[in-house]
Amino acid sequence: MEEYIVFMRLDLITKDAQPSPEQMQVYMKQYQDWVGGIAALNKFAGGKGLSTEGKVVTYGDVVTDGPFVELKESIAGFIIIKAESLEEATELASACPILKGPGNSVEVRKISQVHPN
């Protein structure tokens, strides 16, 4: 079984796109149910949310505010799942509740070993 990372992208900047505290409770319950379902299949390997603060370092040691200087759609968090194939991982990711919001998306990528253990 391989590991796949699921990046969750949504608008973290536009004030009108932010949920109310009540909506956030509903969304978090949906998210926890989704992750719980993946965990029940023994396919959840971890995950984290990401801060809206950050910096981007580019060639020539140029540092800018980021990570979403030009993009409204930003990576809000990620989970790592175990799956037999990219297709299976995509199927699990397609149930992510953030996909109920217009403009939101998920990206599924296989995790490759770059560094020796």
Protein backbone atom coordinates (compact mmCIF):
# COMPACT_ATOMS: atom_id res chain seq x y z
CA MET A 1 0.00 0.00 0.00
CA GLU A 2 1.28 3.46 -0.91
CA GLU A 3 0.87 6.80 0.85
CA TYR A 4 -0.86 9.76 -0.79
CA ILE A 5 -1.15 13.35 0.36
CA VAL A 6 -4.45 15.17 -0.06
CA PHE A 7 -4.06 18.96 -0.13
CA MET A 8 -7.25 20.85 0.69
CA ARG A 9 -7.54 24.20 -1.07
CA LEU A 10 -10.03 26.92 -0.31
CA ASP A 11 -10.33 30.69 -0.13
CA LEU A 12 -8.77 31.74 3.17
CA ILE A 13 -8.51 35.43 2.31
CA THR A 14 -11.83 36.84 1.06
CA LYS A 15 -13.83 37.98 4.07
CA ASP A 16 -17.19 37.00 2.56
CA ALA A 17 -15.92 33.45 1.91
CA GLN A 18 -15.24 32.79 5.60
CA PRO A 19 -17.81 30.70 7.48
CA SER A 20 -19.61 31.91 10.58
CA PRO A 21 -18.70 30.15 13.85
CA GLU A 22 -21.89 28.09 13.53
CA GLN A 23 -21.08 27.08 9.95
CA MET A 24 -17.53 26.24 11.03
CA GLN A 25 -18.87 23.81 13.64
CA VAL A 26 -20.93 22.04 10.96
CA TYR A 27 -17.95 21.95 8.57
CA MET A 28 -15.62 20.58 11.24
CA LYS A 29 -18.12 17.83 12.09
CA GLN A 30 -18.34 16.90 8.40
CA TYR A 31 -14.54 16.91 8.14
CA GLN A 32 -14.15 14.77 11.28
CA ASP A 33 -16.74 12.30 9.97
CA TRP A 34 -14.91 12.09 6.63
CA VAL A 35 -11.51 11.52 8.28
CA GLY A 36 -13.12 9.10 10.74
CA GLY A 37 -14.44 7.07 7.82
CA ILE A 38 -10.98 6.88 6.28
CA ALA A 39 -9.51 5.92 9.67
CA ALA A 40 -12.15 3.19 10.07
CA LEU A 41 -10.78 1.68 6.84
CA ASN A 42 -7.28 1.81 8.40
CA LYS A 43 -6.20 4.18 5.60
CA PHE A 44 -5.55 7.38 7.59
CA ALA A 45 -1.87 8.12 8.16
CA GLY A 46 -2.05 11.67 9.59
CA GLY A 47 -2.76 15.25 8.72
CA LYS A 48 -2.51 18.87 9.80
CA GLY A 49 -4.11 22.23 9.24
CA LEU A 50 -1.94 25.10 8.07
CA SER A 51 -1.67 28.67 9.33
CA THR A 52 -2.60 31.51 7.02
CA GLU A 53 0.74 33.15 7.83
CA GLY A 54 3.89 32.25 5.93
CA LYS A 55 6.77 33.34 3.75
CA VAL A 56 7.94 32.30 0.29
CA VAL A 57 11.66 32.11 -0.46
CA THR A 58 12.61 32.11 -4.14
CA TYR A 59 15.77 32.07 -6.19
CA GLY A 60 18.19 34.84 -5.26
CA ASP A 61 17.10 34.76 -1.60
CA VAL A 62 14.01 36.83 -2.33
CA VAL A 63 11.57 36.57 0.58
CA THR A 64 7.93 37.61 0.19
CA ASP A 65 4.82 37.30 2.30
CA GLY A 66 2.95 34.20 1.41
CA PRO A 67 2.28 31.49 0.74
CA PHE A 68 -0.61 32.90 -1.26
CA VAL A 69 0.57 36.31 -2.39
CA GLU A 70 -1.36 36.07 -5.66
CA LEU A 71 -3.91 33.35 -4.96
CA LYS A 72 -7.16 33.43 -3.03
CA GLU A 73 -7.35 29.65 -3.13
CA SER A 74 -4.77 28.49 -0.61
CA ILE A 75 -3.78 25.20 0.96
CA ALA A 76 -5.68 25.09 4.25
CA GLY A 77 -4.41 21.70 5.34
CA PHE A 78 -3.61 18.18 4.30
CA ILE A 79 -4.07 14.57 5.25
CA ILE A 80 -2.00 11.54 4.35
CA ILE A 81 -3.89 8.43 3.38
CA LYS A 82 -2.91 4.88 2.46
CA ALA A 83 -4.29 3.44 -0.77
CA GLU A 84 -3.56 0.73 -3.31
CA SER A 85 -3.58 3.22 -6.21
CA LEU A 86 -3.95 6.85 -7.19
CA GLU A 87 -7.50 6.01 -8.27
CA GLU A 88 -8.40 4.66 -4.81
CA ALA A 89 -6.78 7.67 -3.13
CA THR A 90 -8.73 10.00 -5.44
CA GLU A 91 -11.96 8.19 -4.62
CA LEU A 92 -11.36 8.67 -0.88
CA ALA A 93 -10.42 12.33 -1.42
CA SER A 94 -13.51 13.00 -3.56
CA ALA A 95 -15.67 12.66 -0.44
CA CYS A 96 -13.88 15.58 1.27
CA PRO A 97 -16.57 17.97 2.54
CA ILE A 98 -14.68 21.08 1.44
CA LEU A 99 -15.66 20.13 -2.11
CA LYS A 100 -19.18 21.32 -1.25
CA GLY A 101 -17.91 24.92 -1.41
CA PRO A 102 -17.66 26.74 -4.74
CA GLY A 103 -14.07 27.22 -5.87
CA ASN A 104 -12.70 24.71 -3.36
CA SER A 105 -10.57 21.78 -4.48
CA VAL A 106 -8.42 18.91 -3.32
CA GLU A 107 -5.20 17.70 -4.89
CA VAL A 108 -4.05 14.10 -4.52
CA ARG A 109 -0.36 13.25 -4.92
CA LYS A 110 1.56 10.05 -4.31
CA ILE A 111 4.30 10.49 -1.73
CA SER A 112 7.68 9.46 -3.13
CA GLN A 113 10.79 8.62 -1.15
CA VAL A 114 13.45 11.26 -1.84
CA HIS A 115 15.54 10.90 1.29
CA PRO A 116 16.85 7.64 2.71
CA ASN A 117 15.38 6.66 6.08
